Amino acid sequence: MNEKFNKEFNDIRLRQYSIAMEALNDLFHRIPFGEEIQFSDGRTGTIKPFFEPKWKEDGTLVAGIDIQFSDSHLEFELLLSGWGGTASPDFQMTKG
């Protein structure tokens, strides 16, 4: 591949990573931490942060949420599952 393509591709990837982290941080901080959820079995769980948005070693962007019960808890991960061209509306592949 040519140098110009590689540079454009890497620039787009950096923008995508930046936008993805920004989006997940915003979503994570909108979660109503501290609120309680009533479940069908009669138990109540409290929504708590488990871990802030971060990049895993394998390159996956994740954040953790915990539902805390009096005797146990549930752990959830929010993760980036795809791109869909979010950061690259102006990108066009060109020959040369």
PDB file of N, CA and C in Angstrom:
ATOM      1  N   MET A   1       0.842  -1.179   0.000  1.00  0.00           N
ATOM      2  CA  MET A   1       0.000   0.000   0.000  1.00  0.00           C
ATOM      3  C   MET A   1       0.886   1.241   0.000  1.00  0.00           C
ATOM      4  N   ASN A   2       0.332   2.292  -0.511  1.00  0.00           N
ATOM      5  CA  ASN A   2       1.171   3.483  -0.569  1.00  0.00           C
ATOM      6  C   ASN A   2       1.146   4.260   0.743  1.00  0.00           C
ATOM      7  N   GLU A   3       2.115   5.120   0.879  1.00  0.00           N
ATOM      8  CA  GLU A   3       2.310   5.873   2.119  1.00  0.00           C
ATOM      9  C   GLU A   3       1.140   6.802   2.439  1.00  0.00           C
ATOM     10  N   LYS A   4       0.589   7.451   1.414  1.00  0.00           N
ATOM     11  CA  LYS A   4      -0.533   8.375   1.628  1.00  0.00           C
ATOM     12  C   LYS A   4      -1.753   7.620   2.180  1.00  0.00           C
ATOM     13  N   PHE A   5      -2.046   6.463   1.599  1.00  0.00           N
ATOM     14  CA  PHE A   5      -3.170   5.660   2.081  1.00  0.00           C
ATOM     15  C   PHE A   5      -2.960   5.263   3.536  1.00  0.00           C
ATOM     16  N   ASN A   6      -1.764   4.781   3.872  1.00  0.00           N
ATOM     17  CA  ASN A   6      -1.473   4.366   5.249  1.00  0.00           C
ATOM     18  C   ASN A   6      -1.649   5.517   6.225  1.00  0.00           C
ATOM     19  N   LYS A   7      -1.175   6.709   5.859  1.00  0.00           N
ATOM     20  CA  LYS A   7      -1.309   7.858   6.736  1.00  0.00           C
ATOM     21  C   LYS A   7      -2.780   8.218   6.935  1.00  0.00           C
ATOM     22  N   GLU A   8      -3.552   8.269   5.840  1.00  0.00           N
ATOM     23  CA  GLU A   8      -4.979   8.601   5.939  1.00  0.00           C
ATOM     24  C   GLU A   8      -5.716   7.558   6.776  1.00  0.00           C
ATOM     25  N   PHE A   9      -5.397   6.288   6.553  1.00  0.00           N
ATOM     26  CA  PHE A   9      -6.037   5.209   7.309  1.00  0.00           C
ATOM     27  C   PHE A   9      -5.732   5.349   8.800  1.00  0.00           C
ATOM     28  N   ASN A  10      -4.475   5.592   9.156  1.00  0.00           N
ATOM     29  CA  ASN A  10      -4.098   5.743  10.567  1.00  0.00           C
ATOM     30  C   ASN A  10      -4.728   6.977  11.190  1.00  0.00           C
ATOM     31  N   ASP A  11      -4.823   8.071  10.438  1.00  0.00           N
ATOM     32  CA  ASP A  11      -5.486   9.278  10.952  1.00  0.00           C
ATOM     33  C   ASP A  11      -6.953   9.011  11.251  1.00  0.00           C
ATOM     34  N   ILE A  12      -7.626   8.301  10.358  1.00  0.00           N
ATOM     35  CA  ILE A  12      -9.037   7.965  10.558  1.00  0.00           C
ATOM     36  C   ILE A  12      -9.195   7.061  11.761  1.00  0.00           C
ATOM     37  N   ARG A  13      -8.318   6.069  11.876  1.00  0.00           N
ATOM     38  CA  ARG A  13      -8.406   5.148  13.011  1.00  0.00           C
ATOM     39  C   ARG A  13      -8.230   5.897  14.328  1.00  0.00           C
ATOM     40  N   LEU A  14      -7.304   6.840  14.392  1.00  0.00           N
ATOM     41  CA  LEU A  14      -7.112   7.629  15.616  1.00  0.00           C
ATOM     42  C   LEU A  14      -8.350   8.458  15.934  1.00  0.00           C
ATOM     43  N   ARG A  15      -8.980   9.034  14.912  1.00  0.00           N
ATOM     44  CA  ARG A  15     -10.215   9.796  15.135  1.00  0.00           C
ATOM     45  C   ARG A  15     -11.327   8.882  15.634  1.00  0.00           C
ATOM     46  N   GLN A  16     -11.430   7.692  15.055  1.00  0.00           N
ATOM     47  CA  GLN A  16     -12.452   6.743  15.496  1.00  0.00           C
ATOM     48  C   GLN A  16     -12.238   6.351  16.952  1.00  0.00           C
ATOM     49  N   TYR A  17     -11.009   6.046  17.327  1.00  0.00           N
ATOM     50  CA  TYR A  17     -10.712   5.666  18.708  1.00  0.00           C
ATOM     51  C   TYR A  17     -11.058   6.800  19.661  1.00  0.00           C
ATOM     52  N   SER A  18     -10.710   8.013  19.278  1.00  0.00           N
ATOM     53  CA  SER A  18     -10.980   9.171  20.118  1.00  0.00           C
ATOM     54  C   SER A  18     -12.488   9.388  20.282  1.00  0.00           C
ATOM     55  N   ILE A  19     -13.227   9.305  19.188  1.00  0.00           N
ATOM     56  CA  ILE A  19     -14.675   9.490  19.239  1.00  0.00           C
ATOM     57  C   ILE A  19     -15.330   8.367  20.032  1.00  0.00           C
ATOM     58  N   ALA A  20     -14.848   7.149  19.847  1.00  0.00           N
ATOM     59  CA  ALA A  20     -15.413   6.002  20.570  1.00  0.00           C
ATOM     60  C   ALA A  20     -15.226   6.168  22.077  1.00  0.00           C
ATOM     61  N   MET A  21     -14.041   6.572  22.508  1.00  0.00           N
ATOM     62  CA  MET A  21     -13.790   6.771  23.938  1.00  0.00           C
ATOM     63  C   MET A  21     -14.650   7.908  24.472  1.00  0.00           C
ATOM     64  N   GLU A  22     -14.761   8.977  23.707  1.00  0.00           N
ATOM     65  CA  GLU A  22     -15.601  10.107  24.112  1.00  0.00           C
ATOM     66  C   GLU A  22     -17.057   9.667  24.278  1.00  0.00           C
ATOM     67  N   ALA A  23     -17.556   8.881  23.337  1.00  0.00           N
ATOM     68  CA  ALA A  23     -18.945   8.409  23.398  1.00  0.00           C
ATOM     69  C   ALA A  23     -19.167   7.498  24.600  1.00  0.00           C
ATOM     70  N   LEU A  24     -18.261   6.549  24.823  1.00  0.00           N
ATOM     71  CA  LEU A  24     -18.446   5.632  25.937  1.00  0.00           C
ATOM     72  C   LEU A  24     -18.327   6.356  27.275  1.00  0.00           C
ATOM     73  N   ASN A  25     -17.410   7.301  27.381  1.00  0.00           N
ATOM     74  CA  ASN A  25     -17.314   8.098  28.614  1.00  0.00           C
ATOM     75  C   ASN A  25     -18.611   8.837  28.882  1.00  0.00           C
ATOM     76  N   ASP A  26     -19.180   9.433  27.850  1.00  0.00           N
ATOM     77  CA  ASP A  26     -20.435  10.168  28.019  1.00  0.00           C
ATOM     78  C   ASP A  26     -21.560   9.226  28.439  1.00  0.00           C
ATOM     79  N   LEU A  27     -21.694   8.096  27.739  1.00  0.00           N
ATOM     80  CA  LEU A  27     -22.738   7.124  28.095  1.00  0.00           C
ATOM     81  C   LEU A  27     -22.568   6.627  29.522  1.00  0.00           C
ATOM     82  N   PHE A  28     -21.336   6.276  29.889  1.00  0.00           N
ATOM     83  CA  PHE A  28     -21.055   5.735  31.216  1.00  0.00           C
ATOM     84  C   PHE A  28     -21.479   6.717  32.309  1.00  0.00           C
ATOM     85  N   HIS A  29     -21.186   7.997  32.104  1.00  0.00           N
ATOM     86  CA  HIS A  29     -21.500   8.991  33.135  1.00  0.00           C
ATOM     87  C   HIS A  29     -22.973   9.429  33.136  1.00  0.00           C
ATOM     88  N   ARG A  30     -23.745   8.952  32.176  1.00  0.00           N
ATOM     89  CA  ARG A  30     -25.189   9.198  32.166  1.00  0.00           C
ATOM     90  C   ARG A  30     -25.963   8.094  32.878  1.00  0.00           C
ATOM     91  N   ILE A  31     -25.296   7.000  33.182  1.00  0.00           N
ATOM     92  CA  ILE A  31     -25.954   5.880  33.861  1.00  0.00           C
ATOM     93  C   ILE A  31     -26.361   6.345  35.259  1.00  0.00           C
ATOM     94  N   PRO A  32     -27.576   6.048  35.673  1.00  0.00           N
ATOM     95  CA  PRO A  32     -28.050   6.523  36.975  1.00  0.00           C
ATOM     96  C   PRO A  32     -27.490   5.694  38.142  1.00  0.00           C
ATOM     97  N   PHE A  33     -26.172   5.822  38.353  1.00  0.00           N
ATOM     98  CA  PHE A  33     -25.534   5.107  39.462  1.00  0.00           C
ATOM     99  C   PHE A  33     -26.178   5.506  40.780  1.00  0.00           C
ATOM    100  N   GLY A  34     -26.365   4.531  41.652  1.00  0.00           N
ATOM    101  CA  GLY A  34     -27.002   4.772  42.937  1.00  0.00           C
ATOM    102  C   GLY A  34     -28.486   4.470  42.945  1.00  0.00           C
ATOM    103  N   GLU A  35     -29.106   4.427  41.767  1.00  0.00           N
ATOM    104  CA  GLU A  35     -30.535   4.100  41.710  1.00  0.00           C
ATOM    105  C   GLU A  35     -30.734   2.612  41.938  1.00  0.00           C
ATOM    106  N   GLU A  36     -31.894   2.290  42.455  1.00  0.00           N
ATOM    107  CA  GLU A  36     -32.226   0.893  42.715  1.00  0.00           C
ATOM    108  C   GLU A  36     -33.136   0.345  41.622  1.00  0.00           C
ATOM    109  N   ILE A  37     -32.998  -0.961  41.383  1.00  0.00           N
ATOM    110  CA  ILE A  37     -33.840  -1.680  40.431  1.00  0.00           C
ATOM    111  C   ILE A  37     -34.587  -2.758  41.208  1.00  0.00           C
ATOM    112  N   GLN A  38     -35.881  -2.836  40.998  1.00  0.00           N
ATOM    113  CA  GLN A  38     -36.696  -3.880  41.623  1.00  0.00           C
ATOM    114  C   GLN A  38     -36.824  -5.030  40.629  1.00  0.00           C
ATOM    115  N   PHE A  39     -36.452  -6.243  41.035  1.00  0.00           N
ATOM    116  CA  PHE A  39     -36.505  -7.397  40.155  1.00  0.00           C
ATOM    117  C   PHE A  39     -37.738  -8.245  40.427  1.00  0.00           C
ATOM    118  N   SER A  40     -38.078  -9.094  39.466  1.00  0.00           N
ATOM    119  CA  SER A  40     -39.302  -9.905  39.546  1.00  0.00           C
ATOM    120  C   SER A  40     -39.298 -10.894  40.713  1.00  0.00           C
ATOM    121  N   ASP A  41     -38.097 -11.230  41.230  1.00  0.00           N
ATOM    122  CA  ASP A  41     -38.043 -12.153  42.372  1.00  0.00           C
ATOM    123  C   ASP A  41     -38.160 -11.428  43.711  1.00  0.00           C
ATOM    124  N   GLY A  42     -38.402 -10.113  43.659  1.00  0.00           N
ATOM    125  CA  GLY A  42     -38.574  -9.334  44.872  1.00  0.00           C
ATOM    126  C   GLY A  42     -37.301  -8.683  45.379  1.00  0.00           C
ATOM    127  N   ARG A  43     -36.145  -9.082  44.846  1.00  0.00           N
ATOM    128  CA  ARG A  43     -34.885  -8.472  45.292  1.00  0.00           C
ATOM    129  C   ARG A  43     -34.713  -7.090  44.685  1.00  0.00           C
ATOM    130  N   THR A  44     -33.904  -6.302  45.361  1.00  0.00           N
ATOM    131  CA  THR A  44     -33.553  -4.972  44.891  1.00  0.00           C
ATOM    132  C   THR A  44     -32.054  -4.928  44.675  1.00  0.00           C
ATOM    133  N   GLY A  45     -31.648  -4.325  43.568  1.00  0.00           N
ATOM    134  CA  GLY A  45     -30.226  -4.150  43.276  1.00  0.00           C
ATOM    135  C   GLY A  45     -29.925  -2.691  43.031  1.00  0.00           C
ATOM    136  N   THR A  46     -28.726  -2.281  43.396  1.00  0.00           N
ATOM    137  CA  THR A  46     -28.295  -0.897  43.207  1.00  0.00           C
ATOM    138  C   THR A  46     -27.301  -0.837  42.055  1.00  0.00           C
ATOM    139  N   ILE A  47     -27.497   0.123  41.145  1.00  0.00           N
ATOM    140  CA  ILE A  47     -26.601   0.302  40.008  1.00  0.00           C
ATOM    141  C   ILE A  47     -25.331   1.001  40.494  1.00  0.00           C
ATOM    142  N   LYS A  48     -24.179   0.376  40.222  1.00  0.00           N
ATOM    143  CA  LYS A  48     -22.895   0.944  40.652  1.00  0.00           C
ATOM    144  C   LYS A  48     -21.890   0.869  39.510  1.00  0.00           C
ATOM    145  N   PRO A  49     -20.952   1.807  39.481  1.00  0.00           N
ATOM    146  CA  PRO A  49     -19.880   1.686  38.487  1.00  0.00           C
ATOM    147  C   PRO A  49     -18.964   0.541  38.886  1.00  0.00           C
ATOM    148  N   PHE A  50     -18.527  -0.251  37.917  1.00  0.00           N
ATOM    149  CA  PHE A  50     -17.589  -1.346  38.179  1.00  0.00           C
ATOM    150  C   PHE A  50     -16.188  -0.909  37.757  1.00  0.00           C
ATOM    151  N   PHE A  51     -16.061  -0.401  36.516  1.00  0.00           N
ATOM    152  CA  PHE A  51     -14.813   0.236  36.104  1.00  0.00           C
ATOM    153  C   PHE A  51     -15.092   1.238  34.994  1.00  0.00           C
ATOM    154  N   GLU A  52     -14.317   2.314  35.012  1.00  0.00           N
ATOM    155  CA  GLU A  52     -14.433   3.400  34.035  1.00  0.00           C
ATOM    156  C   GLU A  52     -14.072   2.882  32.638  1.00  0.00           C
ATOM    157  N   PRO A  53     -14.526   3.575  31.584  1.00  0.00           N
ATOM    158  CA  PRO A  53     -14.164   3.182  30.229  1.00  0.00           C
ATOM    159  C   PRO A  53     -12.644   3.075  30.072  1.00  0.00           C
ATOM    160  N   LYS A  54     -12.222   2.015  29.375  1.00  0.00           N
ATOM    161  CA  LYS A  54     -10.791   1.780  29.159  1.00  0.00           C
ATOM    162  C   LYS A  54     -10.608   0.905  27.923  1.00  0.00           C
ATOM    163  N   TRP A  55      -9.377   0.897  27.444  1.00  0.00           N
ATOM    164  CA  TRP A  55      -8.995   0.012  26.349  1.00  0.00           C
ATOM    165  C   TRP A  55      -8.389  -1.244  26.960  1.00  0.00           C
ATOM    166  N   LYS A  56      -8.929  -2.407  26.616  1.00  0.00           N
ATOM    167  CA  LYS A  56      -8.345  -3.673  27.050  1.00  0.00           C
ATOM    168  C   LYS A  56      -7.070  -3.932  26.246  1.00  0.00           C
ATOM    169  N   GLU A  57      -6.271  -4.868  26.708  1.00  0.00           N
ATOM    170  CA  GLU A  57      -5.026  -5.201  26.011  1.00  0.00           C
ATOM    171  C   GLU A  57      -5.266  -5.662  24.579  1.00  0.00           C
ATOM    172  N   ASP A  58      -6.420  -6.275  24.320  1.00  0.00           N
ATOM    173  CA  ASP A  58      -6.721  -6.760  22.964  1.00  0.00           C
ATOM    174  C   ASP A  58      -7.281  -5.665  22.057  1.00  0.00           C
ATOM    175  N   GLY A  59      -7.373  -4.419  22.561  1.00  0.00           N
ATOM    176  CA  GLY A  59      -7.858  -3.307  21.764  1.00  0.00           C
ATOM    177  C   GLY A  59      -9.349  -3.048  21.867  1.00  0.00           C
ATOM    178  N   THR A  60     -10.046  -3.778  22.724  1.00  0.00           N
ATOM    179  CA  THR A  60     -11.483  -3.597  22.908  1.00  0.00           C
ATOM    180  C   THR A  60     -11.744  -2.455  23.890  1.00  0.00           C
ATOM    181  N   LEU A  61     -12.642  -1.564  23.518  1.00  0.00           N
ATOM    182  CA  LEU A  61     -13.051  -0.465  24.389  1.00  0.00           C
ATOM    183  C   LEU A  61     -14.215  -0.946  25.243  1.00  0.00           C
ATOM    184  N   VAL A  62     -14.074  -0.880  26.572  1.00  0.00           N
ATOM    185  CA  VAL A  62     -15.099  -1.387  27.489  1.00  0.00           C
ATOM    186  C   VAL A  62     -15.283  -0.468  28.691  1.00  0.00           C
ATOM    187  N   ALA A  63     -16.433  -0.634  29.343  1.00  0.00           N
ATOM    188  CA  ALA A  63     -16.714  -0.013  30.635  1.00  0.00           C
ATOM    189  C   ALA A  63     -17.515  -1.035  31.425  1.00  0.00           C
ATOM    190  N   GLY A  64     -17.414  -0.987  32.749  1.00  0.00           N
ATOM    191  CA  GLY A  64     -18.094  -1.973  33.579  1.00  0.00           C
ATOM    192  C   GLY A  64     -19.148  -1.369  34.478  1.00  0.00           C
ATOM    193  N   ILE A  65     -20.255  -2.087  34.601  1.00  0.00           N
ATOM    194  CA  ILE A  65     -21.367  -1.685  35.473  1.00  0.00           C
ATOM    195  C   ILE A  65     -21.691  -2.867  36.378  1.00  0.00           C
ATOM    196  N   ASP A  66     -22.024  -2.572  37.598  1.00  0.00           N
ATOM    197  CA  ASP A  66     -22.341  -3.592  38.583  1.00  0.00           C
ATOM    198  C   ASP A  66     -23.754  -3.357  39.101  1.00  0.00           C
ATOM    199  N   ILE A  67     -24.491  -4.443  39.297  1.00  0.00           N
ATOM    200  CA  ILE A  67     -25.764  -4.371  40.014  1.00  0.00           C
ATOM    201  C   ILE A  67     -25.521  -5.098  41.333  1.00  0.00           C
ATOM    202  N   GLN A  68     -25.525  -4.344  42.415  1.00  0.00           N
ATOM    203  CA  GLN A  68     -25.190  -4.883  43.733  1.00  0.00           C
ATOM    204  C   GLN A  68     -26.457  -5.276  44.486  1.00  0.00           C
ATOM    205  N   PHE A  69     -26.528  -6.563  44.870  1.00  0.00           N
ATOM    206  CA  PHE A  69     -27.596  -7.069  45.725  1.00  0.00           C
ATOM    207  C   PHE A  69     -27.048  -7.150  47.148  1.00  0.00           C
ATOM    208  N   SER A  70     -27.876  -7.471  48.098  1.00  0.00           N
ATOM    209  CA  SER A  70     -27.399  -7.583  49.482  1.00  0.00           C
ATOM    210  C   SER A  70     -26.439  -8.758  49.652  1.00  0.00           C
ATOM    211  N   ASP A  71     -26.581  -9.782  48.815  1.00  0.00           N
ATOM    212  CA  ASP A  71     -25.764 -10.986  48.988  1.00  0.00           C
ATOM    213  C   ASP A  71     -24.920 -11.368  47.773  1.00  0.00           C
ATOM    214  N   SER A  72     -25.012 -10.600  46.700  1.00  0.00           N
ATOM    215  CA  SER A  72     -24.282 -10.935  45.473  1.00  0.00           C
ATOM    216  C   SER A  72     -24.282  -9.739  44.528  1.00  0.00           C
ATOM    217  N   HIS A  73     -23.822  -9.973  43.309  1.00  0.00           N
ATOM    218  CA  HIS A  73     -23.854  -8.889  42.331  1.00  0.00           C
ATOM    219  C   HIS A  73     -23.815  -9.451  40.917  1.00  0.00           C
ATOM    220  N   LEU A  74     -24.185  -8.611  39.959  1.00  0.00           N
ATOM    221  CA  LEU A  74     -24.088  -8.915  38.532  1.00  0.00           C
ATOM    222  C   LEU A  74     -23.117  -7.912  37.917  1.00  0.00           C
ATOM    223  N   GLU A  75     -22.241  -8.391  37.058  1.00  0.00           N
ATOM    224  CA  GLU A  75     -21.291  -7.518  36.367  1.00  0.00           C
ATOM    225  C   GLU A  75     -21.644  -7.470  34.885  1.00  0.00           C
ATOM    226  N   PHE A  76     -21.652  -6.267  34.337  1.00  0.00           N
ATOM    227  CA  PHE A  76     -21.924  -6.063  32.922  1.00  0.00           C
ATOM    228  C   PHE A  76     -20.781  -5.276  32.306  1.00  0.00           C
ATOM    229  N   GLU A  77     -20.511  -5.555  31.035  1.00  0.00           N
ATOM    230  CA  GLU A  77     -19.550  -4.761  30.278  1.00  0.00           C
ATOM    231  C   GLU A  77     -20.254  -4.126  29.095  1.00  0.00           C
ATOM    232  N   LEU A  78     -20.071  -2.823  28.936  1.00  0.00           N
ATOM    233  CA  LEU A  78     -20.482  -2.119  27.725  1.00  0.00           C
ATOM    234  C   LEU A  78     -19.257  -2.127  26.827  1.00  0.00           C
ATOM    235  N   LEU A  79     -19.430  -2.484  25.560  1.00  0.00           N
ATOM    236  CA  LEU A  79     -18.261  -2.510  24.693  1.00  0.00           C
ATOM    237  C   LEU A  79     -18.574  -1.960  23.321  1.00  0.00           C
ATOM    238  N   LEU A  80     -17.538  -1.447  22.706  1.00  0.00           N
ATOM    239  CA  LEU A  80     -17.631  -0.952  21.345  1.00  0.00           C
ATOM    240  C   LEU A  80     -17.693  -2.166  20.429  1.00  0.00           C
ATOM    241  N   SER A  81     -18.783  -2.297  19.684  1.00  0.00           N
ATOM    242  CA  SER A  81     -18.953  -3.487  18.857  1.00  0.00           C
ATOM    243  C   SER A  81     -18.793  -3.224  17.360  1.00  0.00           C
ATOM    244  N   GLY A  82     -18.637  -1.969  16.960  1.00  0.00           N
ATOM    245  CA  GLY A  82     -18.465  -1.674  15.545  1.00  0.00           C
ATOM    246  C   GLY A  82     -18.287  -0.193  15.294  1.00  0.00           C
ATOM    247  N   TRP A  83     -17.959   0.132  14.048  1.00  0.00           N
ATOM    248  CA  TRP A  83     -17.669   1.522  13.694  1.00  0.00           C
ATOM    249  C   TRP A  83     -18.746   2.162  12.845  1.00  0.00           C
ATOM    250  N   GLY A  84     -19.066   1.605  11.723  1.00  0.00           N
ATOM    251  CA  GLY A  84     -20.069   2.193  10.850  1.00  0.00           C
ATOM    252  C   GLY A  84     -19.667   3.504  10.199  1.00  0.00           C
ATOM    253  N   GLY A  85     -18.370   3.787  10.097  1.00  0.00           N
ATOM    254  CA  GLY A  85     -17.913   4.992   9.413  1.00  0.00           C
ATOM    255  C   GLY A  85     -18.078   6.279  10.180  1.00  0.00           C
ATOM    256  N   THR A  86     -18.214   6.194  11.490  1.00  0.00           N
ATOM    257  CA  THR A  86     -18.479   7.389  12.309  1.00  0.00           C
ATOM    258  C   THR A  86     -17.497   8.517  12.130  1.00  0.00           C
ATOM    259  N   ALA A  87     -16.233   8.200  12.040  1.00  0.00           N
ATOM    260  CA  ALA A  87     -15.218   9.256  12.028  1.00  0.00           C
ATOM    261  C   ALA A  87     -14.696   9.519  10.640  1.00  0.00           C
ATOM    262  N   SER A  88     -15.285   8.904   9.624  1.00  0.00           N
ATOM    263  CA  SER A  88     -14.663   9.030   8.319  1.00  0.00           C
ATOM    264  C   SER A  88     -15.631   9.368   7.183  1.00  0.00           C
ATOM    265  N   PRO A  89     -16.546  10.307   7.369  1.00  0.00           N
ATOM    266  CA  PRO A  89     -17.467  10.610   6.273  1.00  0.00           C
ATOM    267  C   PRO A  89     -16.769  11.219   5.068  1.00  0.00           C
ATOM    268  N   ASP A  90     -15.614  11.839   5.269  1.00  0.00           N
ATOM    269  CA  ASP A  90     -14.915  12.476   4.159  1.00  0.00           C
ATOM    270  C   ASP A  90     -13.844  11.578   3.552  1.00  0.00           C
ATOM    271  N   PHE A  91     -13.670  10.387   4.068  1.00  0.00           N
ATOM    272  CA  PHE A  91     -12.622   9.502   3.570  1.00  0.00           C
ATOM    273  C   PHE A  91     -13.059   8.822   2.279  1.00  0.00           C
ATOM    274  N   GLN A  92     -12.224   8.888   1.285  1.00  0.00           N
ATOM    275  CA  GLN A  92     -12.471   8.189   0.039  1.00  0.00           C
ATOM    276  C   GLN A  92     -11.188   7.484  -0.367  1.00  0.00           C
ATOM    277  N   MET A  93     -11.320   6.244  -0.764  1.00  0.00           N
ATOM    278  CA  MET A  93     -10.142   5.524  -1.242  1.00  0.00           C
ATOM    279  C   MET A  93      -9.829   6.032  -2.637  1.00  0.00           C
ATOM    280  N   THR A  94      -8.585   6.335  -2.868  1.00  0.00           N
ATOM    281  CA  THR A  94      -8.148   6.785  -4.182  1.00  0.00           C
ATOM    282  C   THR A  94      -6.976   5.950  -4.637  1.00  0.00           C
ATOM    283  N   LYS A  95      -6.828   5.843  -5.913  1.00  0.00           N
ATOM    284  CA  LYS A  95      -5.682   5.122  -6.472  1.00  0.00           C
ATOM    285  C   LYS A  95      -4.505   6.085  -6.562  1.00  0.00           C
ATOM    286  N   GLY A  96      -3.309   5.501  -6.473  1.00  0.00           N
ATOM    287  CA  GLY A  96      -2.156   6.373  -6.688  1.00  0.00           C
ATOM    288  C   GLY A  96      -1.066   6.210  -5.701  1.00  0.00           C
TER     289      GLY A  96
END
